[in-house]
N, C-alpha and C. Protein backbone atom coordinates (compact mmCIF):
# COMPACT_ATOMS: atom_id res chain seq x y z
N MET A 1 57.04 48.30 -69.06
CA MET A 1 56.48 46.81 -69.41
C MET A 1 56.78 46.90 -71.32
N LYS A 2 56.74 45.90 -72.19
CA LYS A 2 56.80 46.07 -73.37
C LYS A 2 55.93 45.14 -72.92
N THR A 3 54.83 45.35 -74.96
CA THR A 3 53.74 45.06 -75.56
C THR A 3 53.59 44.24 -76.70
N TYR A 4 53.74 43.14 -76.28
CA TYR A 4 54.05 42.41 -77.83
C TYR A 4 52.75 41.75 -78.71
N ILE A 5 52.28 41.89 -79.69
CA ILE A 5 51.00 41.21 -80.21
C ILE A 5 51.29 39.81 -81.15
N PHE A 6 50.81 38.53 -80.28
CA PHE A 6 50.32 37.92 -81.12
C PHE A 6 49.16 37.79 -81.93
N THR A 7 49.76 36.74 -83.26
CA THR A 7 48.87 37.05 -84.03
C THR A 7 48.19 34.91 -84.29
N HIS A 8 46.91 35.19 -84.57
CA HIS A 8 46.50 33.56 -84.17
C HIS A 8 45.80 34.28 -85.94
N THR A 9 46.47 33.36 -86.73
CA THR A 9 45.23 32.49 -88.32
C THR A 9 44.93 31.50 -88.24
N PRO A 10 43.99 31.10 -89.52
CA PRO A 10 42.92 30.32 -89.02
C PRO A 10 44.29 28.47 -89.18
N SER A 11 45.69 28.99 -89.48
CA SER A 11 46.56 27.78 -89.23
C SER A 11 47.56 28.13 -88.68
N HIS A 12 48.19 29.10 -88.30
CA HIS A 12 49.16 29.03 -86.78
C HIS A 12 49.67 30.19 -86.61
N GLY A 13 50.50 31.18 -85.42
CA GLY A 13 50.78 31.83 -85.40
C GLY A 13 52.26 32.49 -85.42
N TYR A 14 51.89 33.65 -84.94
CA TYR A 14 53.21 35.14 -85.27
C TYR A 14 53.23 35.98 -83.97
N LEU A 15 54.42 36.07 -83.67
CA LEU A 15 54.58 37.02 -82.08
C LEU A 15 54.86 38.17 -83.04
N ARG A 16 54.78 39.62 -83.10
CA ARG A 16 54.95 40.93 -83.76
C ARG A 16 56.25 41.04 -82.44
N VAL A 17 57.46 41.74 -82.91
CA VAL A 17 58.86 41.58 -81.77
C VAL A 17 59.50 42.74 -82.46
N PRO A 18 60.66 43.62 -82.07
CA PRO A 18 61.45 44.77 -82.51
C PRO A 18 62.22 44.32 -83.05
N LYS A 19 62.74 43.91 -84.09
CA LYS A 19 64.54 43.83 -84.17
C LYS A 19 65.74 44.34 -82.93
N ASP A 20 65.45 45.47 -82.54
CA ASP A 20 65.70 45.59 -81.41
C ASP A 20 66.11 45.04 -80.40
N ASP A 21 64.86 44.54 -79.97
CA ASP A 21 64.64 43.15 -78.96
C ASP A 21 65.34 41.76 -79.04
N LEU A 22 65.18 41.67 -80.54
CA LEU A 22 65.83 40.58 -80.76
C LEU A 22 67.50 40.32 -81.16
N VAL A 23 67.91 42.15 -81.17
CA VAL A 23 69.48 42.11 -81.12
C VAL A 23 69.73 41.81 -79.35
N ALA A 24 68.94 42.98 -78.47
CA ALA A 24 69.37 42.89 -76.96
C ALA A 24 68.89 41.22 -76.10
N LEU A 25 68.56 40.67 -76.61
CA LEU A 25 68.50 38.86 -76.67
C LEU A 25 69.38 38.06 -77.22
N GLY A 26 70.46 38.75 -77.37
CA GLY A 26 71.16 38.01 -78.54
C GLY A 26 70.38 36.93 -79.90
N MET A 27 69.49 37.58 -80.72
CA MET A 27 69.18 36.21 -81.47
C MET A 27 69.96 36.50 -82.63
N ILE A 28 69.49 37.62 -83.26
CA ILE A 28 69.87 37.78 -84.37
C ILE A 28 71.31 37.43 -85.14
N GLU A 29 71.98 36.93 -84.33
CA GLU A 29 73.63 36.99 -84.35
C GLU A 29 73.70 35.59 -83.99
N ASP A 30 72.79 35.01 -83.29
CA ASP A 30 72.70 33.22 -82.73
C ASP A 30 71.51 31.96 -83.87
N TRP A 31 70.24 33.04 -84.44
CA TRP A 31 70.05 32.34 -84.78
C TRP A 31 68.97 32.45 -85.62
N GLU A 32 69.07 31.35 -86.83
CA GLU A 32 67.55 31.39 -87.86
C GLU A 32 66.84 31.47 -87.85
N PHE A 33 66.17 32.31 -87.87
CA PHE A 33 64.62 33.12 -87.51
C PHE A 33 63.78 32.75 -88.88
N ASN A 34 62.35 31.80 -88.19
CA ASN A 34 61.19 31.99 -89.52
C ASN A 34 60.39 32.81 -89.53
N PHE A 35 61.55 33.90 -89.96
CA PHE A 35 59.81 35.63 -90.04
C PHE A 35 59.24 34.62 -90.93
N PHE A 36 57.87 35.49 -91.18
CA PHE A 36 56.25 35.06 -91.71
C PHE A 36 56.83 36.30 -92.15
N TYR A 37 56.55 37.81 -91.19
CA TYR A 37 56.97 39.21 -92.40
C TYR A 37 57.57 39.89 -91.86
N ASP A 38 58.39 40.15 -92.51
CA ASP A 38 59.97 41.54 -92.03
C ASP A 38 59.39 42.84 -91.94
N ARG A 39 58.34 43.94 -91.14
CA ARG A 39 57.92 44.90 -91.33
C ARG A 39 58.81 46.59 -90.76
N GLY A 40 59.54 46.63 -91.35
CA GLY A 40 60.95 47.47 -90.92
C GLY A 40 61.43 47.29 -89.83
N ASN A 41 61.44 48.54 -88.93
CA ASN A 41 61.85 48.03 -87.67
C ASN A 41 60.78 46.57 -86.67
N ASP A 42 59.66 45.49 -87.01
CA ASP A 42 59.71 44.40 -86.62
C ASP A 42 59.47 43.77 -87.65
N VAL A 43 59.10 42.00 -86.77
CA VAL A 43 59.27 41.37 -87.07
C VAL A 43 58.09 40.32 -86.63
N GLU A 44 57.96 39.18 -87.37
CA GLU A 44 56.58 37.92 -86.16
C GLU A 44 57.35 37.14 -86.77
N ILE A 45 57.35 36.72 -85.68
CA ILE A 45 58.73 35.25 -85.84
C ILE A 45 56.88 34.59 -85.49
N GLU A 46 57.69 33.01 -85.89
CA GLU A 46 56.57 31.86 -85.89
C GLU A 46 56.76 30.87 -83.91
N GLU A 47 55.85 31.09 -84.69
CA GLU A 47 54.87 30.26 -83.01
C GLU A 47 55.93 29.09 -82.41
N ASP A 48 56.20 27.79 -83.61
CA ASP A 48 56.54 26.74 -82.43
C ASP A 48 58.03 26.31 -81.71
N GLU A 49 59.08 26.84 -82.51
CA GLU A 49 60.24 27.35 -82.13
C GLU A 49 60.84 28.94 -81.51
N ASP A 50 60.84 29.77 -82.38
CA ASP A 50 61.25 31.31 -82.23
C ASP A 50 60.69 31.72 -80.72
N VAL A 51 59.54 32.07 -81.50
CA VAL A 51 58.42 32.04 -79.64
C VAL A 51 58.84 31.59 -78.61
N PRO A 52 58.77 30.37 -78.44
CA PRO A 52 59.12 30.07 -76.67
C PRO A 52 60.86 30.38 -76.97
N GLU A 53 61.25 30.24 -77.75
CA GLU A 53 62.48 30.60 -77.32
C GLU A 53 62.90 32.11 -76.75
N PHE A 54 62.29 33.10 -77.76
CA PHE A 54 62.44 34.73 -77.24
C PHE A 54 61.27 35.19 -76.03
N LEU A 55 60.38 34.13 -76.23
CA LEU A 55 59.67 35.15 -73.71
C LEU A 55 61.28 33.99 -73.05
N ARG A 56 61.94 33.14 -73.77
CA ARG A 56 62.78 32.49 -72.38
C ARG A 56 63.64 33.18 -72.63
N ARG A 57 64.33 33.83 -73.00
CA ARG A 57 65.68 34.66 -72.75
C ARG A 57 65.36 36.32 -72.43
N ALA A 58 63.67 36.38 -72.81
CA ALA A 58 63.25 37.93 -71.79
C ALA A 58 62.80 37.22 -70.68
N LYS A 59 62.66 36.60 -70.68
CA LYS A 59 62.29 35.94 -69.27
C LYS A 59 63.84 35.63 -68.46
N GLU A 60 64.76 35.60 -68.57
CA GLU A 60 66.40 35.33 -67.99
C GLU A 60 66.51 36.61 -68.32
N LYS A 61 66.28 37.28 -69.50
CA LYS A 61 66.43 38.72 -68.78
C LYS A 61 65.66 39.65 -67.10
N ASP A 62 64.47 39.05 -66.53
CA ASP A 62 63.57 39.87 -66.03
C ASP A 62 62.99 41.21 -66.79
N TRP A 63 62.66 40.60 -68.36
CA TRP A 63 61.58 42.06 -68.94
C TRP A 63 60.77 41.41 -68.18
N GLU A 64 59.74 42.70 -68.07
CA GLU A 64 58.87 43.06 -68.33
C GLU A 64 57.61 42.79 -69.42
N TYR A 65 56.81 42.53 -69.74
CA TYR A 65 56.21 42.16 -70.62
C TYR A 65 54.28 41.91 -71.05
N GLU A 66 53.99 42.34 -71.82
CA GLU A 66 52.63 41.55 -71.77
C GLU A 66 53.07 41.03 -73.03
N VAL A 67 51.44 40.32 -73.75
CA VAL A 67 51.43 39.48 -74.97
C VAL A 67 49.86 39.96 -75.21
N ILE A 68 49.79 40.39 -76.62
CA ILE A 68 47.55 40.58 -76.94
C ILE A 68 47.71 39.84 -77.90
N ASN A 69 46.62 39.54 -77.61
CA ASN A 69 46.12 38.03 -78.99
C ASN A 69 45.32 38.67 -79.77
N GLN A 70 45.59 38.48 -80.68
CA GLN A 70 44.92 39.25 -82.25
C GLN A 70 44.55 38.00 -83.40
N TYR A 71 43.02 37.92 -83.08
CA TYR A 71 42.42 36.97 -84.20
C TYR A 71 42.77 37.50 -85.57
N VAL A 72 43.06 36.70 -86.63
CA VAL A 72 42.84 37.18 -87.64
C VAL A 72 42.01 36.61 -89.18
N TYR A 73 41.28 36.47 -89.72
CA TYR A 73 41.52 35.29 -91.01
C TYR A 73 41.95 36.33 -92.45
N PHE A 74 42.02 35.19 -93.28
CA PHE A 74 42.10 35.58 -94.67
C PHE A 74 40.61 36.06 -95.99
N ILE A 75 41.29 37.62 -96.63
CA ILE A 75 40.71 37.66 -97.43
C ILE A 75 41.34 37.07 -98.53
N VAL A 76 40.23 36.16 -99.61
CA VAL A 76 40.80 36.32 -100.93
C VAL A 76 40.71 36.82 -102.07
N THR A 77 41.80 37.56 -103.14
CA THR A 77 40.31 38.30 -103.62
C THR A 77 41.58 37.46 -105.20
N ASN A 78 41.58 37.31 -106.33
CA ASN A 78 41.65 37.44 -107.41
C ASN A 78 42.71 36.03 -107.04
N GLY A 79 42.96 35.60 -106.18
CA GLY A 79 43.79 34.45 -106.08
C GLY A 79 45.56 35.13 -105.20
N MET A 80 44.72 36.50 -104.49
CA MET A 80 45.96 37.10 -103.71
C MET A 80 45.26 36.68 -102.09
N GLU A 81 45.90 36.41 -101.38
CA GLU A 81 46.17 36.78 -99.59
C GLU A 81 45.65 38.16 -99.49
N ASP A 82 45.18 38.40 -98.75
CA ASP A 82 45.33 39.78 -98.34
C ASP A 82 44.94 39.65 -96.81
N ARG A 83 45.78 39.88 -96.05
CA ARG A 83 46.19 39.58 -94.93
C ARG A 83 45.96 40.88 -93.72
N GLY A 84 44.90 40.74 -93.13
CA GLY A 84 44.49 41.46 -92.27
C GLY A 84 43.86 41.10 -91.01
N ALA A 85 44.01 42.10 -89.98
CA ALA A 85 43.29 42.36 -88.94
C ALA A 85 42.43 42.53 -88.63
N TYR A 86 40.91 41.57 -88.26
CA TYR A 86 40.19 41.29 -88.62
C TYR A 86 39.87 40.87 -86.84
N PRO A 87 38.71 40.91 -86.37
CA PRO A 87 38.14 40.28 -85.38
C PRO A 87 37.51 39.25 -85.49
N TRP A 88 37.54 38.09 -84.35
CA TRP A 88 37.03 36.85 -85.24
C TRP A 88 36.37 36.05 -83.70
N PRO A 89 34.60 35.42 -85.06
CA PRO A 89 34.67 36.22 -85.50
C PRO A 89 33.79 37.48 -86.03
N PRO A 90 34.04 37.29 -87.29
CA PRO A 90 33.70 38.56 -87.77
C PRO A 90 32.13 39.11 -88.33
N LYS A 91 32.30 40.22 -87.78
CA LYS A 91 31.12 40.82 -87.82
C LYS A 91 29.75 41.33 -88.65
N GLU A 92 28.62 40.44 -88.61
CA GLU A 92 27.85 40.32 -90.16
C GLU A 92 27.89 41.91 -90.32
N ASN A 93 28.03 41.97 -91.98
CA ASN A 93 27.41 43.44 -92.34
C ASN A 93 25.81 44.03 -92.33
N LYS A 94 25.66 44.95 -91.82
CA LYS A 94 23.99 45.05 -91.36
C LYS A 94 24.11 46.26 -92.34
């Protein structure tokens, strides 16, 4: 079974997918993706069009998969966004 992480941000969502899975589903050759982050062997594809198409093709190939939800918030330091995976809502410091 394949496991994918779906990242929820305050404004959007992205599914982290190995590039090899996109190749296996024929999506690299015939689709212009809205990659949010390129993470080497993985990319995060955007929720509005790319994720539904990816999951449709995976289902057509009878792939078994699970999607784990992860919530993030943003820390802004010196005008730069530092994106990190943190529990939402954030725990208070004690």
